[in-house]
Protein backbone atom coordinates (compact mmCIF):
# COMPACT_ATOMS: atom_id res chain seq x y z
CA MET A 1 69.16 -58.40 -23.31
CA ARG A 2 69.88 -55.40 -21.37
CA GLY A 3 73.77 -54.31 -21.05
CA VAL A 4 73.39 -52.51 -24.64
CA PHE A 5 74.17 -49.08 -24.50
CA CYS A 6 73.83 -46.22 -26.34
CA THR A 7 76.82 -44.12 -27.40
CA PRO A 8 76.96 -40.30 -27.33
CA THR A 9 78.04 -38.69 -30.11
CA THR A 10 79.12 -35.35 -28.73
CA LYS A 11 81.01 -34.11 -26.05
CA LYS A 12 78.71 -31.43 -24.84
CA PRO A 13 79.33 -29.20 -20.68
CA MET A 14 76.17 -29.48 -19.33
CA LEU A 15 75.46 -26.07 -19.45
CA SER A 16 77.45 -24.05 -22.12
CA HIS A 17 79.24 -21.00 -21.63
CA LYS A 18 76.57 -19.32 -24.00
CA ALA A 19 73.88 -20.77 -21.56
CA GLN A 20 75.82 -18.77 -18.55
CA TYR A 21 76.14 -16.11 -20.64
CA ALA A 22 72.75 -15.78 -21.44
CA PHE A 23 71.35 -16.26 -17.90
CA ARG A 24 73.10 -14.09 -16.70
CA ALA A 25 72.46 -10.84 -19.47
CA LEU A 26 68.88 -12.53 -18.47
CA THR A 27 69.42 -11.55 -14.65
CA LEU A 28 70.09 -8.33 -15.51
CA LEU A 29 67.35 -7.78 -17.83
CA VAL A 30 64.78 -9.50 -14.75
CA ASP A 31 65.70 -6.57 -12.79
CA LYS A 32 65.28 -3.71 -15.27
CA TYR A 33 62.01 -5.47 -16.13
CA GLN A 34 59.58 -2.61 -17.02
CA LYS A 35 62.22 0.14 -17.00
CA GLY A 36 62.77 0.35 -20.53
CA PRO A 37 65.47 -1.61 -23.27
CA ILE A 38 68.54 -1.56 -22.12
CA LEU A 39 71.76 -1.14 -24.18
CA ILE A 40 73.72 -3.92 -25.45
CA THR A 41 77.02 -2.53 -24.52
CA ALA A 42 75.58 -1.75 -20.97
CA ILE A 43 74.75 -5.49 -20.23
CA ALA A 44 77.97 -6.40 -21.46
CA ASP A 45 80.05 -4.31 -19.27
CA ALA A 46 77.45 -5.00 -16.58
CA LYS A 47 77.70 -9.01 -16.47
CA ASN A 48 81.04 -8.69 -18.22
CA ILE A 49 80.04 -10.49 -21.32
CA PRO A 50 82.32 -10.17 -24.23
CA ILE A 51 79.85 -7.95 -26.76
CA LYS A 52 79.72 -9.91 -30.05
CA PHE A 53 78.54 -13.14 -28.23
CA LEU A 54 76.64 -11.09 -26.16
CA GLU A 55 74.71 -9.99 -29.58
CA ARG A 56 74.20 -13.13 -31.16
CA ILE A 57 72.71 -14.83 -27.68
CA LEU A 58 70.46 -11.78 -27.00
CA LEU A 59 69.40 -11.91 -31.13
CA GLU A 60 68.44 -16.08 -30.60
CA LEU A 61 66.63 -15.30 -27.73
CA LYS A 62 64.72 -12.41 -29.30
CA ASN A 63 63.99 -14.89 -32.21
CA ALA A 64 62.64 -17.29 -29.63
CA GLY A 65 60.06 -14.81 -27.99
CA VAL A 66 61.85 -14.30 -24.93
CA LEU A 67 62.96 -10.70 -25.67
CA GLU A 68 62.02 -7.98 -27.64
CA SER A 69 64.53 -5.04 -29.07
CA LYS A 70 63.70 -1.34 -30.14
CA LYS A 71 65.88 0.38 -31.98
CA GLY A 72 67.34 4.19 -32.61
CA LYS A 73 67.59 6.15 -29.15
CA GLY A 74 66.37 4.72 -25.85
CA GLY A 75 66.75 1.45 -27.93
CA GLY A 76 67.67 -1.80 -26.30
CA TYR A 77 66.68 -5.14 -24.91
CA SER A 78 63.96 -5.96 -22.64
CA LEU A 79 62.00 -8.72 -21.56
CA ARG A 80 58.84 -9.79 -23.64
CA ASP A 81 57.08 -11.24 -20.96
CA ASP A 82 56.71 -11.34 -17.45
CA PRO A 83 59.74 -12.81 -15.66
CA SER A 84 57.81 -15.33 -14.03
CA THR A 85 56.31 -16.59 -17.03
CA THR A 86 59.47 -17.58 -19.18
CA SER A 87 60.59 -21.26 -18.04
CA ILE A 88 64.51 -21.88 -17.77
CA ALA A 89 63.97 -25.17 -19.89
CA LYS A 90 62.98 -22.57 -22.71
CA VAL A 91 66.02 -20.86 -22.40
CA ILE A 92 68.13 -23.54 -22.22
CA ARG A 93 66.29 -25.09 -25.13
CA THR A 94 66.77 -21.83 -27.28
CA VAL A 95 70.18 -21.50 -26.29
CA ASP A 96 71.87 -24.73 -26.22
CA GLY A 97 69.34 -27.05 -27.89
CA PRO A 98 68.58 -30.42 -26.39
CA ILE A 99 68.16 -30.46 -22.03
CA ALA A 100 68.33 -34.05 -22.55
CA MET A 101 71.91 -36.02 -22.46
CA LEU A 102 71.27 -38.51 -25.30
CA PRO A 103 69.42 -37.65 -28.26
CA CYS A 104 67.26 -40.73 -27.83
CA VAL A 105 65.68 -39.43 -24.48
CA SER A 106 65.43 -35.89 -25.95
CA LEU A 107 61.61 -34.09 -26.38
CA TYR A 108 61.86 -32.01 -28.72
CA PHE A 109 65.54 -32.93 -30.02
CA TYR A 110 64.68 -36.86 -30.46
CA ALA A 111 67.29 -38.79 -32.77
CA LYS A 112 68.17 -42.56 -32.35
CA CYS A 113 70.96 -43.36 -31.12
CA LYS A 114 73.67 -45.13 -33.44
CA ASN A 115 74.23 -48.50 -32.51
CA CYS A 116 71.58 -48.36 -29.83
CA ASP A 117 68.41 -50.54 -29.30
CA GLU A 118 66.17 -48.45 -27.11
CA MET A 119 64.05 -51.27 -25.59
CA ASN A 120 67.33 -52.72 -24.09
CA CYS A 121 69.61 -50.11 -23.45
CA GLY A 122 69.92 -49.57 -19.72
CA LEU A 123 71.65 -46.05 -20.13
CA HIS A 124 68.66 -44.75 -22.05
CA ASP A 125 66.38 -45.74 -19.28
CA ILE A 126 68.62 -44.20 -17.04
CA MET A 127 68.69 -41.19 -19.20
CA LEU A 128 65.12 -40.95 -19.26
CA SER A 129 65.07 -40.74 -15.71
CA VAL A 130 68.14 -37.93 -15.14
CA ARG A 131 65.90 -35.89 -18.18
CA ASP A 132 62.64 -36.07 -16.09
CA ALA A 133 64.28 -35.38 -13.09
CA THR A 134 66.03 -32.36 -14.83
CA LEU A 135 62.53 -30.72 -16.58
CA GLN A 136 60.69 -31.20 -13.32
CA ILE A 137 63.01 -28.30 -11.93
CA VAL A 138 63.90 -26.60 -14.93
CA GLU A 139 60.37 -26.54 -16.71
CA ASN A 140 59.09 -24.85 -13.31
CA LYS A 141 61.28 -22.29 -12.58
CA THR A 142 61.37 -19.30 -14.42
CA LEU A 143 63.84 -16.08 -14.78
CA GLN A 144 62.37 -14.60 -12.08
CA ASP A 145 63.87 -17.65 -9.92
CA LEU A 146 67.24 -16.11 -11.60
CA VAL A 147 66.42 -13.09 -9.33
CA THR A 148 64.95 -14.49 -6.47
CA GLY A 149 67.18 -17.30 -5.46
CA SER A 150 70.40 -15.09 -5.79
CA GLU A 151 68.65 -12.55 -3.06
CA GLU A 152 67.66 -15.68 -0.98
CA LEU A 153 71.58 -17.01 -1.22
CA LYS A 154 72.86 -13.39 -0.19
CA LYS A 155 70.69 -13.18 2.79
CA ILE A 156 71.33 -16.47 3.89
CA GLN A 157 75.16 -15.48 3.64
CA LYS A 158 74.74 -12.24 5.24
CA SER A 159 72.84 -14.36 7.92
CA THR A 160 75.75 -17.04 8.50
CA LYS A 161 78.74 -14.39 8.95
CA LYS A 162 76.81 -12.92 11.84
CA VAL A 163 77.55 -15.88 13.62
């Protein structure tokens, strides 16, 4: 019996402001990779992120093994590993939780949807395909791609202005 649909239980933007702030901060840390720790105030100022919000985000990323921190003089935050080894998916899951749009198709945060028969749910089947397509991209893109991608975009924009 097709046509029985999952009912999402929460409203969530595709990528939260928190995740967007995390990626903004991470682009600075990618740029400064292996140049020593960066003060949280310097990150907040450079990327226009509220410092209290940034503190919580960076702590979550540190606890997930994405960042490391150093206390005291010369302290701050830095990437723990080479930026080409940390996937975008890891950051999204750390900061926002599930990547999937419905809990019944989530790999790491699975939960049965209320009033849903997954075997006969058209929405479940579609969202499973959406999840797989999204994961194909975010699991294979890294923090380095955040910076490389923006540099490539700038080059394209400069070349189109000349025309």
